[in-house]
């Protein structure tokens, strides 16, 4: 069950609708993207924005605990097109 109370909004643009003759592996494909997906249970839109502010300042009192909670390797600017398309192929 998805937490609809967090107020996330997503924009999806359909570029092309292919006929049934297309291969199933290419049925859904991401051709552009930006930034990392916010982590699960980060406090919604507002909590994520607060976390991003903390991550910008290594001297912030919550910086180390935020990194630990994120597993130490979260890059909010990162986007992995290959991983995204691999996940989409699972559908």
C-alpha atoms as a PDB file:
ATOM      1  CA  UNK A   1       0.000   0.000   0.000  1.00  0.00           C
ATOM      2  CA  UNK A   2       1.427   3.361  -1.019  1.00  0.00           C
ATOM      3  CA  UNK A   3       1.426   6.264   1.441  1.00  0.00           C
ATOM      4  CA  UNK A   4      -0.697   8.830  -0.400  1.00  0.00           C
ATOM      5  CA  UNK A   5      -0.488  11.299   2.486  1.00  0.00           C
ATOM      6  CA  UNK A   6       3.067  12.357   1.586  1.00  0.00           C
ATOM      7  CA  UNK A   7       1.899  14.586  -1.305  1.00  0.00           C
ATOM      8  CA  UNK A   8       4.374  13.366  -3.928  1.00  0.00           C
ATOM      9  CA  UNK A   9       3.600  14.364  -7.513  1.00  0.00           C
ATOM     10  CA  UNK A  10       5.128  12.677 -10.569  1.00  0.00           C
ATOM     11  CA  UNK A  11       5.214  13.816 -14.178  1.00  0.00           C
ATOM     12  CA  UNK A  12       5.174  11.161 -16.892  1.00  0.00           C
ATOM     13  CA  UNK A  13       5.184  12.139 -20.546  1.00  0.00           C
ATOM     14  CA  UNK A  14       4.161   9.553 -23.147  1.00  0.00           C
ATOM     15  CA  UNK A  15       6.443  10.111 -26.146  1.00  0.00           C
ATOM     16  CA  UNK A  16       5.124   7.417 -28.454  1.00  0.00           C
ATOM     17  CA  UNK A  17       2.587   4.605 -28.491  1.00  0.00           C
ATOM     18  CA  UNK A  18       3.861   1.564 -30.361  1.00  0.00           C
ATOM     19  CA  UNK A  19       1.788  -1.099 -32.038  1.00  0.00           C
ATOM     20  CA  UNK A  20       1.641  -4.672 -30.815  1.00  0.00           C
ATOM     21  CA  UNK A  21       4.409  -5.677 -33.203  1.00  0.00           C
ATOM     22  CA  UNK A  22       7.008  -4.033 -30.941  1.00  0.00           C
ATOM     23  CA  UNK A  23       9.001  -6.327 -28.692  1.00  0.00           C
ATOM     24  CA  UNK A  24       7.834  -6.612 -25.094  1.00  0.00           C
ATOM     25  CA  UNK A  25      11.285  -5.600 -23.802  1.00  0.00           C
ATOM     26  CA  UNK A  26      10.883  -2.134 -25.291  1.00  0.00           C
ATOM     27  CA  UNK A  27       7.252  -1.631 -24.312  1.00  0.00           C
ATOM     28  CA  UNK A  28       8.165   0.825 -21.548  1.00  0.00           C
ATOM     29  CA  UNK A  29      11.411   2.756 -21.612  1.00  0.00           C
ATOM     30  CA  UNK A  30      12.664   5.822 -19.778  1.00  0.00           C
ATOM     31  CA  UNK A  31      14.478   8.191 -22.140  1.00  0.00           C
ATOM     32  CA  UNK A  32      15.258  10.994 -19.687  1.00  0.00           C
ATOM     33  CA  UNK A  33      15.319  11.611 -15.981  1.00  0.00           C
ATOM     34  CA  UNK A  34      16.843  13.693 -13.234  1.00  0.00           C
ATOM     35  CA  UNK A  35      17.805  13.269  -9.603  1.00  0.00           C
ATOM     36  CA  UNK A  36      17.446  10.338  -7.272  1.00  0.00           C
ATOM     37  CA  UNK A  37      14.188   8.952  -6.012  1.00  0.00           C
ATOM     38  CA  UNK A  38      13.537  10.184  -2.473  1.00  0.00           C
ATOM     39  CA  UNK A  39      14.133   7.443   0.087  1.00  0.00           C
ATOM     40  CA  UNK A  40      11.179   5.596   1.572  1.00  0.00           C
ATOM     41  CA  UNK A  41       9.771   7.101   4.773  1.00  0.00           C
ATOM     42  CA  UNK A  42      11.776  10.329   4.480  1.00  0.00           C
ATOM     43  CA  UNK A  43       8.878  12.447   5.725  1.00  0.00           C
ATOM     44  CA  UNK A  44       7.183  13.316   2.472  1.00  0.00           C
ATOM     45  CA  UNK A  45       7.923  16.362   0.359  1.00  0.00           C
ATOM     46  CA  UNK A  46       8.733  18.566   3.335  1.00  0.00           C
ATOM     47  CA  UNK A  47      10.871  15.994   5.167  1.00  0.00           C
ATOM     48  CA  UNK A  48      12.857  15.317   2.005  1.00  0.00           C
ATOM     49  CA  UNK A  49      13.480  19.038   1.480  1.00  0.00           C
ATOM     50  CA  UNK A  50      14.695  19.318   5.082  1.00  0.00           C
ATOM     51  CA  UNK A  51      16.995  16.324   4.560  1.00  0.00           C
ATOM     52  CA  UNK A  52      18.466  17.879   1.404  1.00  0.00           C
ATOM     53  CA  UNK A  53      19.285  21.039   3.356  1.00  0.00           C
ATOM     54  CA  UNK A  54      21.031  18.950   6.031  1.00  0.00           C
ATOM     55  CA  UNK A  55      23.068  17.067   3.397  1.00  0.00           C
ATOM     56  CA  UNK A  56      24.314  20.345   1.892  1.00  0.00           C
ATOM     57  CA  UNK A  57      26.015  21.270   5.168  1.00  0.00           C
ATOM     58  CA  UNK A  58      28.538  18.767   6.618  1.00  0.00           C
ATOM     59  CA  UNK A  59      28.682  20.940   9.763  1.00  0.00           C
ATOM     60  CA  UNK A  60      24.932  20.588  10.372  1.00  0.00           C
ATOM     61  CA  UNK A  61      24.209  18.839  13.686  1.00  0.00           C
ATOM     62  CA  UNK A  62      22.061  16.217  11.895  1.00  0.00           C
ATOM     63  CA  UNK A  63      24.454  15.605   8.975  1.00  0.00           C
ATOM     64  CA  UNK A  64      26.081  12.409  10.295  1.00  0.00           C
ATOM     65  CA  UNK A  65      22.806  10.855  11.421  1.00  0.00           C
ATOM     66  CA  UNK A  66      21.208  11.661   8.048  1.00  0.00           C
ATOM     67  CA  UNK A  67      24.092   9.969   6.213  1.00  0.00           C
ATOM     68  CA  UNK A  68      23.833   6.948   8.486  1.00  0.00           C
ATOM     69  CA  UNK A  69      20.061   6.700   7.939  1.00  0.00           C
ATOM     70  CA  UNK A  70      20.615   6.894   4.169  1.00  0.00           C
ATOM     71  CA  UNK A  71      23.256   4.178   4.232  1.00  0.00           C
ATOM     72  CA  UNK A  72      26.119   6.585   3.548  1.00  0.00           C
ATOM     73  CA  UNK A  73      25.950   6.607  -0.239  1.00  0.00           C
ATOM     74  CA  UNK A  74      22.870   8.613  -1.205  1.00  0.00           C
ATOM     75  CA  UNK A  75      23.407  11.155  -4.000  1.00  0.00           C
ATOM     76  CA  UNK A  76      20.296  13.337  -4.402  1.00  0.00           C
ATOM     77  CA  UNK A  77      21.541  14.523  -7.809  1.00  0.00           C
ATOM     78  CA  UNK A  78      22.188  11.006  -9.105  1.00  0.00           C
ATOM     79  CA  UNK A  79      20.006   9.309 -11.715  1.00  0.00           C
ATOM     80  CA  UNK A  80      20.747   5.861 -13.156  1.00  0.00           C
ATOM     81  CA  UNK A  81      19.014   5.447 -16.514  1.00  0.00           C
ATOM     82  CA  UNK A  82      20.131   1.827 -16.881  1.00  0.00           C
ATOM     83  CA  UNK A  83      18.802   0.843 -13.442  1.00  0.00           C
ATOM     84  CA  UNK A  84      15.551   2.683 -14.145  1.00  0.00           C
ATOM     85  CA  UNK A  85      14.988   0.846 -17.418  1.00  0.00           C
ATOM     86  CA  UNK A  86      15.925  -2.465 -15.818  1.00  0.00           C
ATOM     87  CA  UNK A  87      13.236  -1.867 -13.185  1.00  0.00           C
ATOM     88  CA  UNK A  88      10.703  -0.887 -15.877  1.00  0.00           C
ATOM     89  CA  UNK A  89      11.372  -4.112 -17.812  1.00  0.00           C
ATOM     90  CA  UNK A  90      10.222  -6.036 -14.730  1.00  0.00           C
ATOM     91  CA  UNK A  91       6.686  -4.779 -15.377  1.00  0.00           C
END
